[in-house]
Amino acid sequence: AYSVFFSQQKDYSFGYRLEYTPDSTDILNTKVEDFTLFIDKGKSYFVSDNFLKRDSILKSLEKSQNFNFTFLKTPNTRFKSVIIKENT
């Protein structure tokens, strides 16, 4: 559902990079993930770039029914939510 929305052009988009520690007991193990904030007509959408890429790849595989090793190369993310805010 999200891939259709995000394929359209937005008024503004801003890139963010999150550096985080998945395990607080292992502070030397940090991860990095990129996010994009889309602003369009009074609403904002904050989403992981890997989530968008993964969703797009899975939708194209679903359409082609080509479930080969490409599925294993899809970007992974721990952030599978899209944060939507209305700017009212």
PDB file of N, CA and C in Angstrom:
ATOM      1  N   ALA A   1       0.826  -1.186   0.000  1.00  0.00           N
ATOM      2  CA  ALA A   1       0.000   0.000   0.000  1.00  0.00           C
ATOM      3  C   ALA A   1       0.872   1.253   0.000  1.00  0.00           C
ATOM      4  N   TYR A   2       1.994   1.175   0.707  1.00  0.00           N
ATOM      5  CA  TYR A   2       2.845   2.348   0.823  1.00  0.00           C
ATOM      6  C   TYR A   2       3.592   2.648  -0.467  1.00  0.00           C
ATOM      7  N   SER A   3       3.963   1.624  -1.228  1.00  0.00           N
ATOM      8  CA  SER A   3       4.780   1.857  -2.418  1.00  0.00           C
ATOM      9  C   SER A   3       4.054   2.722  -3.437  1.00  0.00           C
ATOM     10  N   VAL A   4       2.751   2.596  -3.537  1.00  0.00           N
ATOM     11  CA  VAL A   4       1.989   3.423  -4.470  1.00  0.00           C
ATOM     12  C   VAL A   4       2.058   4.876  -4.032  1.00  0.00           C
ATOM     13  N   PHE A   5       1.880   5.129  -2.752  1.00  0.00           N
ATOM     14  CA  PHE A   5       1.910   6.494  -2.250  1.00  0.00           C
ATOM     15  C   PHE A   5       3.281   7.128  -2.446  1.00  0.00           C
ATOM     16  N   PHE A   6       4.335   6.422  -2.077  1.00  0.00           N
ATOM     17  CA  PHE A   6       5.663   7.007  -2.092  1.00  0.00           C
ATOM     18  C   PHE A   6       6.246   7.114  -3.486  1.00  0.00           C
ATOM     19  N   SER A   7       5.628   6.502  -4.469  1.00  0.00           N
ATOM     20  CA  SER A   7       6.143   6.628  -5.828  1.00  0.00           C
ATOM     21  C   SER A   7       5.736   7.968  -6.440  1.00  0.00           C
ATOM     22  N   GLN A   8       4.758   8.615  -5.838  1.00  0.00           N
ATOM     23  CA  GLN A   8       4.316   9.907  -6.342  1.00  0.00           C
ATOM     24  C   GLN A   8       5.257  10.998  -5.830  1.00  0.00           C
ATOM     25  N   GLN A   9       5.326  12.096  -6.571  1.00  0.00           N
ATOM     26  CA  GLN A   9       6.202  13.200  -6.183  1.00  0.00           C
ATOM     27  C   GLN A   9       5.613  13.936  -4.984  1.00  0.00           C
ATOM     28  N   LYS A  10       6.460  14.321  -4.051  1.00  0.00           N
ATOM     29  CA  LYS A  10       6.038  15.024  -2.844  1.00  0.00           C
ATOM     30  C   LYS A  10       6.471  16.489  -2.923  1.00  0.00           C
ATOM     31  N   ASP A  11       5.842  17.310  -2.073  1.00  0.00           N
ATOM     32  CA  ASP A  11       6.226  18.715  -2.011  1.00  0.00           C
ATOM     33  C   ASP A  11       7.673  18.854  -1.534  1.00  0.00           C
ATOM     34  N   TYR A  12       8.019  18.129  -0.457  1.00  0.00           N
ATOM     35  CA  TYR A  12       9.364  18.175   0.112  1.00  0.00           C
ATOM     36  C   TYR A  12       9.741  16.797   0.627  1.00  0.00           C
ATOM     37  N   SER A  13      11.030  16.524   0.625  1.00  0.00           N
ATOM     38  CA  SER A  13      11.520  15.320   1.296  1.00  0.00           C
ATOM     39  C   SER A  13      12.872  15.635   1.931  1.00  0.00           C
ATOM     40  N   PHE A  14      13.107  15.042   3.096  1.00  0.00           N
ATOM     41  CA  PHE A  14      14.321  15.280   3.860  1.00  0.00           C
ATOM     42  C   PHE A  14      14.902  13.939   4.281  1.00  0.00           C
ATOM     43  N   GLY A  15      16.202  13.793   4.154  1.00  0.00           N
ATOM     44  CA  GLY A  15      16.865  12.554   4.539  1.00  0.00           C
ATOM     45  C   GLY A  15      17.417  12.623   5.952  1.00  0.00           C
ATOM     46  N   TYR A  16      17.307  11.511   6.663  1.00  0.00           N
ATOM     47  CA  TYR A  16      17.833  11.392   8.016  1.00  0.00           C
ATOM     48  C   TYR A  16      18.635  10.102   8.117  1.00  0.00           C
ATOM     49  N   ARG A  17      19.667  10.116   8.921  1.00  0.00           N
ATOM     50  CA  ARG A  17      20.454   8.914   9.191  1.00  0.00           C
ATOM     51  C   ARG A  17      20.401   8.644  10.697  1.00  0.00           C
ATOM     52  N   LEU A  18      19.947   7.453  11.046  1.00  0.00           N
ATOM     53  CA  LEU A  18      19.851   7.042  12.441  1.00  0.00           C
ATOM     54  C   LEU A  18      20.981   6.074  12.752  1.00  0.00           C
ATOM     55  N   GLU A  19      21.760   6.385  13.766  1.00  0.00           N
ATOM     56  CA  GLU A  19      22.772   5.457  14.261  1.00  0.00           C
ATOM     57  C   GLU A  19      22.288   4.993  15.628  1.00  0.00           C
ATOM     58  N   TYR A  20      22.162   3.684  15.807  1.00  0.00           N
ATOM     59  CA  TYR A  20      21.605   3.165  17.046  1.00  0.00           C
ATOM     60  C   TYR A  20      22.351   1.911  17.497  1.00  0.00           C
ATOM     61  N   THR A  21      22.171   1.584  18.769  1.00  0.00           N
ATOM     62  CA  THR A  21      22.750   0.392  19.367  1.00  0.00           C
ATOM     63  C   THR A  21      21.616  -0.572  19.672  1.00  0.00           C
ATOM     64  N   PRO A  22      21.495  -1.685  18.907  1.00  0.00           N
ATOM     65  CA  PRO A  22      20.387  -2.619  19.121  1.00  0.00           C
ATOM     66  C   PRO A  22      20.402  -3.274  20.503  1.00  0.00           C
ATOM     67  N   ASP A  23      21.597  -3.449  21.065  1.00  0.00           N
ATOM     68  CA  ASP A  23      21.743  -4.115  22.359  1.00  0.00           C
ATOM     69  C   ASP A  23      22.524  -3.197  23.289  1.00  0.00           C
ATOM     70  N   SER A  24      21.877  -2.700  24.323  1.00  0.00           N
ATOM     71  CA  SER A  24      22.525  -1.733  25.219  1.00  0.00           C
ATOM     72  C   SER A  24      23.702  -2.326  25.978  1.00  0.00           C
ATOM     73  N   THR A  25      23.818  -3.658  26.018  1.00  0.00           N
ATOM     74  CA  THR A  25      24.963  -4.275  26.696  1.00  0.00           C
ATOM     75  C   THR A  25      26.164  -4.409  25.771  1.00  0.00           C
ATOM     76  N   ASP A  26      25.969  -4.130  24.478  1.00  0.00           N
ATOM     77  CA  ASP A  26      27.054  -4.224  23.493  1.00  0.00           C
ATOM     78  C   ASP A  26      27.160  -2.883  22.762  1.00  0.00           C
ATOM     79  N   ILE A  27      27.703  -1.878  23.450  1.00  0.00           N
ATOM     80  CA  ILE A  27      27.696  -0.515  22.912  1.00  0.00           C
ATOM     81  C   ILE A  27      28.619  -0.325  21.720  1.00  0.00           C
ATOM     82  N   LEU A  28      29.523  -1.266  21.481  1.00  0.00           N
ATOM     83  CA  LEU A  28      30.409  -1.154  20.319  1.00  0.00           C
ATOM     84  C   LEU A  28      29.727  -1.621  19.032  1.00  0.00           C
ATOM     85  N   ASN A  29      28.624  -2.320  19.155  1.00  0.00           N
ATOM     86  CA  ASN A  29      27.889  -2.813  17.991  1.00  0.00           C
ATOM     87  C   ASN A  29      26.795  -1.809  17.632  1.00  0.00           C
ATOM     88  N   THR A  30      27.093  -0.925  16.686  1.00  0.00           N
ATOM     89  CA  THR A  30      26.104   0.065  16.277  1.00  0.00           C
ATOM     90  C   THR A  30      25.631  -0.235  14.861  1.00  0.00           C
ATOM     91  N   LYS A  31      24.431   0.178  14.565  1.00  0.00           N
ATOM     92  CA  LYS A  31      23.829   0.015  13.246  1.00  0.00           C
ATOM     93  C   LYS A  31      23.466   1.401  12.720  1.00  0.00           C
ATOM     94  N   VAL A  32      23.381   1.504  11.404  1.00  0.00           N
ATOM     95  CA  VAL A  32      23.004   2.762  10.766  1.00  0.00           C
ATOM     96  C   VAL A  32      21.875   2.465   9.778  1.00  0.00           C
ATOM     97  N   GLU A  33      20.866   3.333   9.774  1.00  0.00           N
ATOM     98  CA  GLU A  33      19.773   3.177   8.805  1.00  0.00           C
ATOM     99  C   GLU A  33      19.306   4.563   8.366  1.00  0.00           C
ATOM    100  N   ASP A  34      18.997   4.686   7.088  1.00  0.00           N
ATOM    101  CA  ASP A  34      18.531   5.953   6.530  1.00  0.00           C
ATOM    102  C   ASP A  34      17.006   5.996   6.493  1.00  0.00           C
ATOM    103  N   PHE A  35      16.475   7.189   6.716  1.00  0.00           N
ATOM    104  CA  PHE A  35      15.033   7.430   6.712  1.00  0.00           C
ATOM    105  C   PHE A  35      14.750   8.647   5.839  1.00  0.00           C
ATOM    106  N   THR A  36      13.510   8.756   5.387  1.00  0.00           N
ATOM    107  CA  THR A  36      13.083   9.933   4.638  1.00  0.00           C
ATOM    108  C   THR A  36      11.796  10.459   5.243  1.00  0.00           C
ATOM    109  N   LEU A  37      11.743  11.775   5.378  1.00  0.00           N
ATOM    110  CA  LEU A  37      10.533  12.473   5.797  1.00  0.00           C
ATOM    111  C   LEU A  37       9.942  13.111   4.552  1.00  0.00           C
ATOM    112  N   PHE A  38       8.741  12.672   4.174  1.00  0.00           N
ATOM    113  CA  PHE A  38       8.020  13.248   3.044  1.00  0.00           C
ATOM    114  C   PHE A  38       6.964  14.195   3.588  1.00  0.00           C
ATOM    115  N   ILE A  39       6.867  15.378   3.001  1.00  0.00           N
ATOM    116  CA  ILE A  39       5.831  16.336   3.388  1.00  0.00           C
ATOM    117  C   ILE A  39       5.014  16.637   2.151  1.00  0.00           C
ATOM    118  N   ASP A  40       3.699  16.440   2.277  1.00  0.00           N
ATOM    119  CA  ASP A  40       2.836  16.592   1.117  1.00  0.00           C
ATOM    120  C   ASP A  40       1.441  17.017   1.553  1.00  0.00           C
ATOM    121  N   LYS A  41       1.011  18.166   1.113  1.00  0.00           N
ATOM    122  CA  LYS A  41      -0.363  18.644   1.298  1.00  0.00           C
ATOM    123  C   LYS A  41      -0.885  18.473   2.728  1.00  0.00           C
ATOM    124  N   GLY A  42      -0.151  19.003   3.696  1.00  0.00           N
ATOM    125  CA  GLY A  42      -0.637  18.999   5.068  1.00  0.00           C
ATOM    126  C   GLY A  42      -0.389  17.724   5.838  1.00  0.00           C
ATOM    127  N   LYS A  43       0.271  16.758   5.250  1.00  0.00           N
ATOM    128  CA  LYS A  43       0.608  15.522   5.957  1.00  0.00           C
ATOM    129  C   LYS A  43       2.095  15.272   5.836  1.00  0.00           C
ATOM    130  N   SER A  44       2.644  14.582   6.826  1.00  0.00           N
ATOM    131  CA  SER A  44       4.043  14.173   6.755  1.00  0.00           C
ATOM    132  C   SER A  44       4.123  12.668   6.999  1.00  0.00           C
ATOM    133  N   TYR A  45       5.096  12.055   6.332  1.00  0.00           N
ATOM    134  CA  TYR A  45       5.293  10.608   6.385  1.00  0.00           C
ATOM    135  C   TYR A  45       6.772  10.358   6.646  1.00  0.00           C
ATOM    136  N   PHE A  46       7.070   9.641   7.713  1.00  0.00           N
ATOM    137  CA  PHE A  46       8.456   9.326   8.077  1.00  0.00           C
ATOM    138  C   PHE A  46       8.625   7.821   7.964  1.00  0.00           C
ATOM    139  N   VAL A  47       9.593   7.394   7.137  1.00  0.00           N
ATOM    140  CA  VAL A  47       9.701   5.964   6.835  1.00  0.00           C
ATOM    141  C   VAL A  47      11.155   5.586   6.568  1.00  0.00           C
ATOM    142  N   SER A  48      11.494   4.344   6.896  1.00  0.00           N
ATOM    143  CA  SER A  48      12.825   3.805   6.621  1.00  0.00           C
ATOM    144  C   SER A  48      13.002   3.604   5.124  1.00  0.00           C
ATOM    145  N   ASP A  49      14.154   4.022   4.596  1.00  0.00           N
ATOM    146  CA  ASP A  49      14.441   3.808   3.177  1.00  0.00           C
ATOM    147  C   ASP A  49      14.505   2.318   2.859  1.00  0.00           C
ATOM    148  N   ASN A  50      15.046   1.523   3.783  1.00  0.00           N
ATOM    149  CA  ASN A  50      15.104   0.074   3.561  1.00  0.00           C
ATOM    150  C   ASN A  50      13.710  -0.540   3.509  1.00  0.00           C
ATOM    151  N   PHE A  51      12.784  -0.005   4.312  1.00  0.00           N
ATOM    152  CA  PHE A  51      11.410  -0.491   4.280  1.00  0.00           C
ATOM    153  C   PHE A  51      10.783  -0.215   2.907  1.00  0.00           C
ATOM    154  N   LEU A  52      11.012   0.988   2.379  1.00  0.00           N
ATOM    155  CA  LEU A  52      10.473   1.334   1.060  1.00  0.00           C
ATOM    156  C   LEU A  52      11.065   0.450  -0.030  1.00  0.00           C
ATOM    157  N   LYS A  53      12.387   0.234   0.019  1.00  0.00           N
ATOM    158  CA  LYS A  53      13.042  -0.611  -0.982  1.00  0.00           C
ATOM    159  C   LYS A  53      12.534  -2.039  -0.895  1.00  0.00           C
ATOM    160  N   ARG A  54      12.448  -2.562   0.323  1.00  0.00           N
ATOM    161  CA  ARG A  54      11.995  -3.945   0.527  1.00  0.00           C
ATOM    162  C   ARG A  54      10.559  -4.114   0.027  1.00  0.00           C
ATOM    163  N   ASP A  55       9.703  -3.150   0.390  1.00  0.00           N
ATOM    164  CA  ASP A  55       8.302  -3.207  -0.022  1.00  0.00           C
ATOM    165  C   ASP A  55       8.192  -3.187  -1.544  1.00  0.00           C
ATOM    166  N   SER A  56       8.976  -2.342  -2.185  1.00  0.00           N
ATOM    167  CA  SER A  56       8.952  -2.237  -3.641  1.00  0.00           C
ATOM    168  C   SER A  56       9.434  -3.532  -4.303  1.00  0.00           C
ATOM    169  N   ILE A  57      10.519  -4.107  -3.780  1.00  0.00           N
ATOM    170  CA  ILE A  57      11.051  -5.357  -4.335  1.00  0.00           C
ATOM    171  C   ILE A  57      10.047  -6.492  -4.156  1.00  0.00           C
ATOM    172  N   LEU A  58       9.463  -6.601  -2.965  1.00  0.00           N
ATOM    173  CA  LEU A  58       8.509  -7.679  -2.710  1.00  0.00           C
ATOM    174  C   LEU A  58       7.268  -7.548  -3.587  1.00  0.00           C
ATOM    175  N   LYS A  59       6.812  -6.318  -3.799  1.00  0.00           N
ATOM    176  CA  LYS A  59       5.637  -6.118  -4.667  1.00  0.00           C
ATOM    177  C   LYS A  59       5.950  -6.510  -6.106  1.00  0.00           C
ATOM    178  N   SER A  60       7.154  -6.182  -6.597  1.00  0.00           N
ATOM    179  CA  SER A  60       7.505  -6.548  -7.970  1.00  0.00           C
ATOM    180  C   SER A  60       7.684  -8.056  -8.100  1.00  0.00           C
ATOM    181  N   LEU A  61       8.240  -8.710  -7.072  1.00  0.00           N
ATOM    182  CA  LEU A  61       8.363 -10.169  -7.099  1.00  0.00           C
ATOM    183  C   LEU A  61       6.992 -10.839  -7.068  1.00  0.00           C
ATOM    184  N   GLU A  62       6.097 -10.253  -6.289  1.00  0.00           N
ATOM    185  CA  GLU A  62       4.739 -10.796  -6.188  1.00  0.00           C
ATOM    186  C   GLU A  62       4.039 -10.725  -7.547  1.00  0.00           C
ATOM    187  N   LYS A  63       4.210  -9.614  -8.243  1.00  0.00           N
ATOM    188  CA  LYS A  63       3.588  -9.458  -9.561  1.00  0.00           C
ATOM    189  C   LYS A  63       4.169 -10.430 -10.576  1.00  0.00           C
ATOM    190  N   SER A  64       5.493 -10.606 -10.531  1.00  0.00           N
ATOM    191  CA  SER A  64       6.133 -11.486 -11.511  1.00  0.00           C
ATOM    192  C   SER A  64       6.131 -12.941 -11.060  1.00  0.00           C
ATOM    193  N   GLN A  65       5.803 -13.169  -9.784  1.00  0.00           N
ATOM    194  CA  GLN A  65       5.830 -14.505  -9.185  1.00  0.00           C
ATOM    195  C   GLN A  65       7.181 -15.173  -9.402  1.00  0.00           C
ATOM    196  N   ASN A  66       8.233 -14.359  -9.289  1.00  0.00           N
ATOM    197  CA  ASN A  66       9.596 -14.817  -9.484  1.00  0.00           C
ATOM    198  C   ASN A  66      10.289 -14.864  -8.119  1.00  0.00           C
ATOM    199  N   PHE A  67      10.010 -15.892  -7.343  1.00  0.00           N
ATOM    200  CA  PHE A  67      10.549 -16.013  -5.992  1.00  0.00           C
ATOM    201  C   PHE A  67      11.876 -16.753  -6.018  1.00  0.00           C
ATOM    202  N   ASN A  68      12.889 -16.099  -6.548  1.00  0.00           N
ATOM    203  CA  ASN A  68      14.214 -16.714  -6.583  1.00  0.00           C
ATOM    204  C   ASN A  68      15.101 -16.093  -5.514  1.00  0.00           C
ATOM    205  N   PHE A  69      16.409 -16.205  -5.646  1.00  0.00           N
ATOM    206  CA  PHE A  69      17.339 -15.729  -4.634  1.00  0.00           C
ATOM    207  C   PHE A  69      17.296 -14.214  -4.459  1.00  0.00           C
ATOM    208  N   THR A  70      16.676 -13.476  -5.363  1.00  0.00           N
ATOM    209  CA  THR A  70      16.580 -12.018  -5.225  1.00  0.00           C
ATOM    210  C   THR A  70      15.891 -11.664  -3.909  1.00  0.00           C
ATOM    211  N   PHE A  71      14.968 -12.509  -3.472  1.00  0.00           N
ATOM    212  CA  PHE A  71      14.270 -12.267  -2.215  1.00  0.00           C
ATOM    213  C   PHE A  71      15.260 -12.158  -1.063  1.00  0.00           C
ATOM    214  N   LEU A  72      16.334 -12.941  -1.116  1.00  0.00           N
ATOM    215  CA  LEU A  72      17.327 -12.934  -0.046  1.00  0.00           C
ATOM    216  C   LEU A  72      18.145 -11.645  -0.038  1.00  0.00           C
ATOM    217  N   LYS A  73      18.157 -10.908  -1.142  1.00  0.00           N
ATOM    218  CA  LYS A  73      18.938  -9.680  -1.245  1.00  0.00           C
ATOM    219  C   LYS A  73      18.131  -8.436  -0.884  1.00  0.00           C
ATOM    220  N   THR A  74      16.894  -8.604  -0.466  1.00  0.00           N
ATOM    221  CA  THR A  74      16.093  -7.430  -0.124  1.00  0.00           C
ATOM    222  C   THR A  74      16.633  -6.796   1.150  1.00  0.00           C
ATOM    223  N   PRO A  75      16.669  -5.465   1.203  1.00  0.00           N
ATOM    224  CA  PRO A  75      17.199  -4.787   2.395  1.00  0.00           C
ATOM    225  C   PRO A  75      16.347  -5.107   3.615  1.00  0.00           C
ATOM    226  N   ASN A  76      16.996  -5.283   4.736  1.00  0.00           N
ATOM    227  CA  ASN A  76      16.287  -5.588   5.966  1.00  0.00           C
ATOM    228  C   ASN A  76      16.178  -4.323   6.814  1.00  0.00           C
ATOM    229  N   THR A  77      15.146  -4.264   7.637  1.00  0.00           N
ATOM    230  CA  THR A  77      14.948  -3.130   8.518  1.00  0.00           C
ATOM    231  C   THR A  77      14.304  -3.595   9.810  1.00  0.00           C
ATOM    232  N   ARG A  78      14.640  -2.925  10.888  1.00  0.00           N
ATOM    233  CA  ARG A  78      13.956  -3.157  12.163  1.00  0.00           C
ATOM    234  C   ARG A  78      12.781  -2.191  12.311  1.00  0.00           C
ATOM    235  N   PHE A  79      12.655  -1.252  11.386  1.00  0.00           N
ATOM    236  CA  PHE A  79      11.665  -0.188  11.485  1.00  0.00           C
ATOM    237  C   PHE A  79      10.634  -0.361  10.376  1.00  0.00           C
ATOM    238  N   LYS A  80       9.585  -1.115  10.664  1.00  0.00           N
ATOM    239  CA  LYS A  80       8.596  -1.470   9.645  1.00  0.00           C
ATOM    240  C   LYS A  80       7.323  -0.645   9.749  1.00  0.00           C
ATOM    241  N   SER A  81       7.396   0.477  10.416  1.00  0.00           N
ATOM    242  CA  SER A  81       6.236   1.347  10.562  1.00  0.00           C
ATOM    243  C   SER A  81       6.442   2.623   9.762  1.00  0.00           C
ATOM    244  N   VAL A  82       5.352   3.169   9.304  1.00  0.00           N
ATOM    245  CA  VAL A  82       5.361   4.493   8.671  1.00  0.00           C
ATOM    246  C   VAL A  82       4.661   5.423   9.640  1.00  0.00           C
ATOM    247  N   ILE A  83       5.339   6.487  10.035  1.00  0.00           N
ATOM    248  CA  ILE A  83       4.736   7.461  10.947  1.00  0.00           C
ATOM    249  C   ILE A  83       4.072   8.532  10.098  1.00  0.00           C
ATOM    250  N   ILE A  84       2.776   8.681  10.287  1.00  0.00           N
ATOM    251  CA  ILE A  84       1.988   9.651   9.511  1.00  0.00           C
ATOM    252  C   ILE A  84       1.445  10.695  10.472  1.00  0.00           C
ATOM    253  N   LYS A  85       1.690  11.952  10.168  1.00  0.00           N
ATOM    254  CA  LYS A  85       1.178  13.068  10.982  1.00  0.00           C
ATOM    255  C   LYS A  85       0.409  14.026  10.084  1.00  0.00           C
ATOM    256  N   GLU A  86      -0.695  14.535  10.600  1.00  0.00           N
ATOM    257  CA  GLU A  86      -1.427  15.575   9.897  1.00  0.00           C
ATOM    258  C   GLU A  86      -1.007  16.911  10.476  1.00  0.00           C
ATOM    259  N   ASN A  87      -0.652  17.840   9.625  1.00  0.00           N
ATOM    260  CA  ASN A  87      -0.168  19.147  10.055  1.00  0.00           C
ATOM    261  C   ASN A  87      -1.325  20.143  10.127  1.00  0.00           C
ATOM    262  N   THR A  88      -2.210  19.906  11.081  1.00  0.00           N
ATOM    263  CA  THR A  88      -3.361  20.804  11.229  1.00  0.00           C
ATOM    264  C   THR A  88      -3.157  21.732  12.395  1.00  0.00           C
TER     265      THR A  88
END
